[in-house]
Amino acid sequence: MDSFLKNSHNKSAGMSHENGASGCIPGLAPCLNTDEYYFWDGFHLIEAVYSVIAARCVSGTGVCIPMNIQEL
């Protein structure tokens, strides 16, 4: 998606188990660099990813198709 984020297929920022394939574990501290991963846990994206998606839906291409919000 963007170069500031790491490839997070096998790791999430929220310290879930099973390589991020499940939810966060209560009481377990998240990693220190949560803003570098796509997913918080196995289900939820981090805020930075949602921000990129929203910006691209407003004026970009390829995310919200067949047209972005500005073209409506």
PDB file of N, CA and C in Angstrom:
ATOM      1  N   MET A   1       0.828  -1.185   0.000  1.00  0.00           N
ATOM      2  CA  MET A   1       0.000   0.000   0.000  1.00  0.00           C
ATOM      3  C   MET A   1       0.870   1.245   0.000  1.00  0.00           C
ATOM      4  N   ASP A   2       1.637   1.482   1.012  1.00  0.00           N
ATOM      5  CA  ASP A   2       2.546   2.617   1.053  1.00  0.00           C
ATOM      6  C   ASP A   2       3.868   2.163   1.644  1.00  0.00           C
ATOM      7  N   SER A   3       4.935   2.824   1.251  1.00  0.00           N
ATOM      8  CA  SER A   3       6.267   2.364   1.623  1.00  0.00           C
ATOM      9  C   SER A   3       6.599   2.550   3.098  1.00  0.00           C
ATOM     10  N   PHE A   4       5.867   3.399   3.824  1.00  0.00           N
ATOM     11  CA  PHE A   4       6.163   3.578   5.245  1.00  0.00           C
ATOM     12  C   PHE A   4       5.655   2.419   6.087  1.00  0.00           C
ATOM     13  N   LEU A   5       4.853   1.550   5.503  1.00  0.00           N
ATOM     14  CA  LEU A   5       4.328   0.394   6.218  1.00  0.00           C
ATOM     15  C   LEU A   5       5.107  -0.854   5.841  1.00  0.00           C
ATOM     16  N   LYS A   6       5.311  -1.730   6.807  1.00  0.00           N
ATOM     17  CA  LYS A   6       5.996  -2.997   6.554  1.00  0.00           C
ATOM     18  C   LYS A   6       5.014  -4.010   5.983  1.00  0.00           C
ATOM     19  N   ASN A   7       5.544  -5.005   5.309  1.00  0.00           N
ATOM     20  CA  ASN A   7       4.728  -6.116   4.862  1.00  0.00           C
ATOM     21  C   ASN A   7       4.316  -6.886   6.104  1.00  0.00           C
ATOM     22  N   SER A   8       3.048  -6.955   6.352  1.00  0.00           N
ATOM     23  CA  SER A   8       2.600  -7.526   7.623  1.00  0.00           C
ATOM     24  C   SER A   8       1.802  -8.805   7.458  1.00  0.00           C
ATOM     25  N   HIS A   9       2.114  -9.590   6.462  1.00  0.00           N
ATOM     26  CA  HIS A   9       1.389 -10.849   6.291  1.00  0.00           C
ATOM     27  C   HIS A   9       1.562 -11.767   7.493  1.00  0.00           C
ATOM     28  N   ASN A  10       2.694 -11.688   8.175  1.00  0.00           N
ATOM     29  CA  ASN A  10       2.963 -12.606   9.272  1.00  0.00           C
ATOM     30  C   ASN A  10       3.127 -11.926  10.619  1.00  0.00           C
ATOM     31  N   LYS A  11       2.811 -10.649  10.714  1.00  0.00           N
ATOM     32  CA  LYS A  11       2.977  -9.973  11.993  1.00  0.00           C
ATOM     33  C   LYS A  11       1.959  -8.850  12.115  1.00  0.00           C
ATOM     34  N   SER A  12       1.451  -8.675  13.299  1.00  0.00           N
ATOM     35  CA  SER A  12       0.545  -7.574  13.562  1.00  0.00           C
ATOM     36  C   SER A  12       1.100  -6.747  14.702  1.00  0.00           C
ATOM     37  N   ALA A  13       0.620  -5.524  14.810  1.00  0.00           N
ATOM     38  CA  ALA A  13       1.132  -4.606  15.815  1.00  0.00           C
ATOM     39  C   ALA A  13       0.565  -4.875  17.200  1.00  0.00           C
ATOM     40  N   GLY A  14      -0.594  -5.519  17.273  1.00  0.00           N
ATOM     41  CA  GLY A  14      -1.274  -5.683  18.538  1.00  0.00           C
ATOM     42  C   GLY A  14      -0.861  -6.890  19.351  1.00  0.00           C
ATOM     43  N   MET A  15       0.179  -7.575  18.948  1.00  0.00           N
ATOM     44  CA  MET A  15       0.706  -8.725  19.686  1.00  0.00           C
ATOM     45  C   MET A  15      -0.321  -9.843  19.831  1.00  0.00           C
ATOM     46  N   SER A  16      -1.004 -10.158  18.751  1.00  0.00           N
ATOM     47  CA  SER A  16      -1.895 -11.309  18.795  1.00  0.00           C
ATOM     48  C   SER A  16      -1.074 -12.569  18.570  1.00  0.00           C
ATOM     49  N   HIS A  17      -1.671 -13.714  18.803  1.00  0.00           N
ATOM     50  CA  HIS A  17      -0.938 -14.950  18.569  1.00  0.00           C
ATOM     51  C   HIS A  17      -1.297 -15.504  17.194  1.00  0.00           C
ATOM     52  N   GLU A  18      -0.722 -16.606  16.820  1.00  0.00           N
ATOM     53  CA  GLU A  18      -0.936 -17.242  15.521  1.00  0.00           C
ATOM     54  C   GLU A  18      -0.567 -16.312  14.372  1.00  0.00           C
ATOM     55  N   ASN A  19       0.561 -15.602  14.498  1.00  0.00           N
ATOM     56  CA  ASN A  19       1.056 -14.701  13.457  1.00  0.00           C
ATOM     57  C   ASN A  19       0.041 -13.644  13.048  1.00  0.00           C
ATOM     58  N   GLY A  20      -0.690 -13.127  14.008  1.00  0.00           N
ATOM     59  CA  GLY A  20      -1.645 -12.072  13.716  1.00  0.00           C
ATOM     60  C   GLY A  20      -2.967 -12.565  13.174  1.00  0.00           C
ATOM     61  N   ALA A  21      -3.201 -13.869  13.186  1.00  0.00           N
ATOM     62  CA  ALA A  21      -4.426 -14.420  12.628  1.00  0.00           C
ATOM     63  C   ALA A  21      -5.584 -14.394  13.612  1.00  0.00           C
ATOM     64  N   SER A  22      -5.360 -13.895  14.802  1.00  0.00           N
ATOM     65  CA  SER A  22      -6.430 -13.837  15.794  1.00  0.00           C
ATOM     66  C   SER A  22      -6.443 -12.463  16.443  1.00  0.00           C
ATOM     67  N   GLY A  23      -7.358 -12.258  17.346  1.00  0.00           N
ATOM     68  CA  GLY A  23      -7.467 -10.977  18.021  1.00  0.00           C
ATOM     69  C   GLY A  23      -6.352 -10.733  19.017  1.00  0.00           C
ATOM     70  N   CYS A  24      -6.322  -9.531  19.556  1.00  0.00           N
ATOM     71  CA  CYS A  24      -5.305  -9.173  20.551  1.00  0.00           C
ATOM     72  C   CYS A  24      -5.504  -9.989  21.824  1.00  0.00           C
ATOM     73  N   ILE A  25      -4.432 -10.186  22.538  1.00  0.00           N
ATOM     74  CA  ILE A  25      -4.480 -10.919  23.792  1.00  0.00           C
ATOM     75  C   ILE A  25      -4.599  -9.906  24.923  1.00  0.00           C
ATOM     76  N   PRO A  26      -5.664  -9.955  25.720  1.00  0.00           N
ATOM     77  CA  PRO A  26      -5.832  -8.995  26.809  1.00  0.00           C
ATOM     78  C   PRO A  26      -4.641  -9.008  27.766  1.00  0.00           C
ATOM     79  N   GLY A  27      -4.195  -7.824  28.164  1.00  0.00           N
ATOM     80  CA  GLY A  27      -3.103  -7.698  29.112  1.00  0.00           C
ATOM     81  C   GLY A  27      -1.721  -7.753  28.497  1.00  0.00           C
ATOM     82  N   LEU A  28      -1.625  -8.089  27.230  1.00  0.00           N
ATOM     83  CA  LEU A  28      -0.330  -8.157  26.555  1.00  0.00           C
ATOM     84  C   LEU A  28      -0.076  -6.830  25.852  1.00  0.00           C
ATOM     85  N   ALA A  29       1.066  -6.228  26.101  1.00  0.00           N
ATOM     86  CA  ALA A  29       1.377  -4.917  25.532  1.00  0.00           C
ATOM     87  C   ALA A  29       1.599  -5.019  24.024  1.00  0.00           C
ATOM     88  N   PRO A  30       1.107  -4.033  23.260  1.00  0.00           N
ATOM     89  CA  PRO A  30       1.361  -4.028  21.821  1.00  0.00           C
ATOM     90  C   PRO A  30       2.819  -3.702  21.532  1.00  0.00           C
ATOM     91  N   CYS A  31       3.259  -3.964  20.320  1.00  0.00           N
ATOM     92  CA  CYS A  31       4.635  -3.634  19.963  1.00  0.00           C
ATOM     93  C   CYS A  31       4.813  -2.114  19.965  1.00  0.00           C
ATOM     94  N   LEU A  32       6.046  -1.669  20.041  1.00  0.00           N
ATOM     95  CA  LEU A  32       6.333  -0.241  20.147  1.00  0.00           C
ATOM     96  C   LEU A  32       6.135   0.504  18.839  1.00  0.00           C
ATOM     97  N   ASN A  33       6.216  -0.168  17.729  1.00  0.00           N
ATOM     98  CA  ASN A  33       6.118   0.484  16.426  1.00  0.00           C
ATOM     99  C   ASN A  33       4.825   0.101  15.704  1.00  0.00           C
ATOM    100  N   THR A  34       3.705   0.312  16.359  1.00  0.00           N
ATOM    101  CA  THR A  34       2.411  -0.087  15.805  1.00  0.00           C
ATOM    102  C   THR A  34       2.091   0.607  14.491  1.00  0.00           C
ATOM    103  N   ASP A  35       2.667   1.774  14.250  1.00  0.00           N
ATOM    104  CA  ASP A  35       2.357   2.513  13.031  1.00  0.00           C
ATOM    105  C   ASP A  35       3.098   1.995  11.799  1.00  0.00           C
ATOM    106  N   GLU A  36       3.870   0.937  11.920  1.00  0.00           N
ATOM    107  CA  GLU A  36       4.616   0.388  10.789  1.00  0.00           C
ATOM    108  C   GLU A  36       3.954  -0.837  10.170  1.00  0.00           C
ATOM    109  N   TYR A  37       2.835  -1.268  10.702  1.00  0.00           N
ATOM    110  CA  TYR A  37       2.192  -2.480  10.225  1.00  0.00           C
ATOM    111  C   TYR A  37       0.822  -2.182   9.650  1.00  0.00           C
ATOM    112  N   TYR A  38       0.362  -3.023   8.744  1.00  0.00           N
ATOM    113  CA  TYR A  38      -0.957  -2.857   8.150  1.00  0.00           C
ATOM    114  C   TYR A  38      -2.071  -3.203   9.138  1.00  0.00           C
ATOM    115  N   PHE A  39      -1.856  -4.251   9.927  1.00  0.00           N
ATOM    116  CA  PHE A  39      -2.915  -4.744  10.801  1.00  0.00           C
ATOM    117  C   PHE A  39      -2.584  -4.556  12.271  1.00  0.00           C
ATOM    118  N   TRP A  40      -3.611  -4.229  13.056  1.00  0.00           N
ATOM    119  CA  TRP A  40      -3.470  -4.155  14.507  1.00  0.00           C
ATOM    120  C   TRP A  40      -3.528  -5.558  15.082  1.00  0.00           C
ATOM    121  N   ASP A  41      -4.444  -6.344  14.576  1.00  0.00           N
ATOM    122  CA  ASP A  41      -4.570  -7.753  14.957  1.00  0.00           C
ATOM    123  C   ASP A  41      -4.925  -8.522  13.688  1.00  0.00           C
ATOM    124  N   GLY A  42      -5.476  -9.676  13.805  1.00  0.00           N
ATOM    125  CA  GLY A  42      -5.804 -10.458  12.628  1.00  0.00           C
ATOM    126  C   GLY A  42      -6.977  -9.946  11.825  1.00  0.00           C
ATOM    127  N   PHE A  43      -7.651  -8.908  12.317  1.00  0.00           N
ATOM    128  CA  PHE A  43      -8.879  -8.448  11.688  1.00  0.00           C
ATOM    129  C   PHE A  43      -8.909  -6.959  11.382  1.00  0.00           C
ATOM    130  N   HIS A  44      -8.217  -6.146  12.153  1.00  0.00           N
ATOM    131  CA  HIS A  44      -8.361  -4.694  12.087  1.00  0.00           C
ATOM    132  C   HIS A  44      -7.110  -4.005  11.552  1.00  0.00           C
ATOM    133  N   LEU A  45      -7.319  -3.147  10.563  1.00  0.00           N
ATOM    134  CA  LEU A  45      -6.226  -2.342  10.026  1.00  0.00           C
ATOM    135  C   LEU A  45      -5.866  -1.241  11.015  1.00  0.00           C
ATOM    136  N   ILE A  46      -4.649  -0.688  10.888  1.00  0.00           N
ATOM    137  CA  ILE A  46      -4.263   0.424  11.757  1.00  0.00           C
ATOM    138  C   ILE A  46      -4.797   1.726  11.175  1.00  0.00           C
ATOM    139  N   GLU A  47      -4.805   2.786  11.969  1.00  0.00           N
ATOM    140  CA  GLU A  47      -5.352   4.076  11.568  1.00  0.00           C
ATOM    141  C   GLU A  47      -4.689   4.625  10.306  1.00  0.00           C
ATOM    142  N   ALA A  48      -3.389   4.453  10.159  1.00  0.00           N
ATOM    143  CA  ALA A  48      -2.677   4.974   8.989  1.00  0.00           C
ATOM    144  C   ALA A  48      -3.196   4.349   7.694  1.00  0.00           C
ATOM    145  N   VAL A  49      -3.534   3.080   7.720  1.00  0.00           N
ATOM    146  CA  VAL A  49      -4.048   2.414   6.528  1.00  0.00           C
ATOM    147  C   VAL A  49      -5.434   2.944   6.190  1.00  0.00           C
ATOM    148  N   TYR A  50      -6.291   3.100   7.196  1.00  0.00           N
ATOM    149  CA  TYR A  50      -7.617   3.665   6.946  1.00  0.00           C
ATOM    150  C   TYR A  50      -7.513   5.078   6.383  1.00  0.00           C
ATOM    151  N   SER A  51      -6.530   5.841   6.827  1.00  0.00           N
ATOM    152  CA  SER A  51      -6.316   7.194   6.322  1.00  0.00           C
ATOM    153  C   SER A  51      -5.942   7.177   4.842  1.00  0.00           C
ATOM    154  N   VAL A  52      -5.071   6.264   4.447  1.00  0.00           N
ATOM    155  CA  VAL A  52      -4.674   6.143   3.041  1.00  0.00           C
ATOM    156  C   VAL A  52      -5.873   5.726   2.192  1.00  0.00           C
ATOM    157  N   ILE A  53      -6.640   4.764   2.659  1.00  0.00           N
ATOM    158  CA  ILE A  53      -7.821   4.307   1.926  1.00  0.00           C
ATOM    159  C   ILE A  53      -8.815   5.448   1.753  1.00  0.00           C
ATOM    160  N   ALA A  54      -9.074   6.195   2.817  1.00  0.00           N
ATOM    161  CA  ALA A  54     -10.018   7.310   2.744  1.00  0.00           C
ATOM    162  C   ALA A  54      -9.547   8.375   1.761  1.00  0.00           C
ATOM    163  N   ALA A  55      -8.274   8.731   1.816  1.00  0.00           N
ATOM    164  CA  ALA A  55      -7.741   9.746   0.902  1.00  0.00           C
ATOM    165  C   ALA A  55      -7.867   9.295  -0.547  1.00  0.00           C
ATOM    166  N   ARG A  56      -7.610   8.029  -0.803  1.00  0.00           N
ATOM    167  CA  ARG A  56      -7.712   7.524  -2.174  1.00  0.00           C
ATOM    168  C   ARG A  56      -9.160   7.412  -2.633  1.00  0.00           C
ATOM    169  N   CYS A  57     -10.080   7.192  -1.719  1.00  0.00           N
ATOM    170  CA  CYS A  57     -11.497   7.167  -2.086  1.00  0.00           C
ATOM    171  C   CYS A  57     -11.996   8.570  -2.431  1.00  0.00           C
ATOM    172  N   VAL A  58     -11.426   9.580  -1.813  1.00  0.00           N
ATOM    173  CA  VAL A  58     -11.840  10.956  -2.086  1.00  0.00           C
ATOM    174  C   VAL A  58     -11.327  11.412  -3.443  1.00  0.00           C
ATOM    175  N   SER A  59     -10.038  11.234  -3.715  1.00  0.00           N
ATOM    176  CA  SER A  59      -9.476  11.822  -4.934  1.00  0.00           C
ATOM    177  C   SER A  59      -8.588  10.894  -5.751  1.00  0.00           C
ATOM    178  N   GLY A  60      -8.413   9.677  -5.323  1.00  0.00           N
ATOM    179  CA  GLY A  60      -7.503   8.774  -6.027  1.00  0.00           C
ATOM    180  C   GLY A  60      -8.216   7.820  -6.957  1.00  0.00           C
ATOM    181  N   THR A  61      -7.470   6.822  -7.401  1.00  0.00           N
ATOM    182  CA  THR A  61      -8.026   5.792  -8.275  1.00  0.00           C
ATOM    183  C   THR A  61      -7.701   4.416  -7.713  1.00  0.00           C
ATOM    184  N   GLY A  62      -8.486   3.441  -8.110  1.00  0.00           N
ATOM    185  CA  GLY A  62      -8.184   2.059  -7.780  1.00  0.00           C
ATOM    186  C   GLY A  62      -8.748   1.536  -6.475  1.00  0.00           C
ATOM    187  N   VAL A  63      -9.207   2.392  -5.591  1.00  0.00           N
ATOM    188  CA  VAL A  63      -9.750   1.918  -4.317  1.00  0.00           C
ATOM    189  C   VAL A  63     -11.271   1.946  -4.363  1.00  0.00           C
ATOM    190  N   CYS A  64     -11.831   3.091  -4.613  1.00  0.00           N
ATOM    191  CA  CYS A  64     -13.283   3.244  -4.726  1.00  0.00           C
ATOM    192  C   CYS A  64     -13.618   3.346  -6.210  1.00  0.00           C
ATOM    193  N   ILE A  65     -14.151   2.279  -6.761  1.00  0.00           N
ATOM    194  CA  ILE A  65     -14.419   2.261  -8.192  1.00  0.00           C
ATOM    195  C   ILE A  65     -15.909   2.059  -8.439  1.00  0.00           C
ATOM    196  N   PRO A  66     -16.476   2.545  -9.485  1.00  0.00           N
ATOM    197  CA  PRO A  66     -15.829   3.007 -10.709  1.00  0.00           C
ATOM    198  C   PRO A  66     -15.373   4.470 -10.670  1.00  0.00           C
ATOM    199  N   MET A  67     -15.699   5.215  -9.622  1.00  0.00           N
ATOM    200  CA  MET A  67     -15.245   6.600  -9.541  1.00  0.00           C
ATOM    201  C   MET A  67     -15.000   6.984  -8.096  1.00  0.00           C
ATOM    202  N   ASN A  68     -14.151   7.996  -7.893  1.00  0.00           N
ATOM    203  CA  ASN A  68     -13.891   8.457  -6.533  1.00  0.00           C
ATOM    204  C   ASN A  68     -14.953   9.473  -6.111  1.00  0.00           C
ATOM    205  N   ILE A  69     -14.892   9.934  -4.889  1.00  0.00           N
ATOM    206  CA  ILE A  69     -15.913  10.836  -4.347  1.00  0.00           C
ATOM    207  C   ILE A  69     -15.922  12.174  -5.074  1.00  0.00           C
ATOM    208  N   GLN A  70     -14.763  12.701  -5.454  1.00  0.00           N
ATOM    209  CA  GLN A  70     -14.715  13.974  -6.178  1.00  0.00           C
ATOM    210  C   GLN A  70     -15.400  13.885  -7.534  1.00  0.00           C
ATOM    211  N   GLU A  71     -15.396  12.719  -8.132  1.00  0.00           N
ATOM    212  CA  GLU A  71     -16.010  12.549  -9.449  1.00  0.00           C
ATOM    213  C   GLU A  71     -17.523  12.366  -9.379  1.00  0.00           C
ATOM    214  N   LEU A  72     -18.067  12.138  -8.208  1.00  0.00           N
ATOM    215  CA  LEU A  72     -19.520  11.927  -8.090  1.00  0.00           C
ATOM    216  C   LEU A  72     -20.310  13.169  -8.412  1.00  0.00           C
TER     217      LEU A  72
END
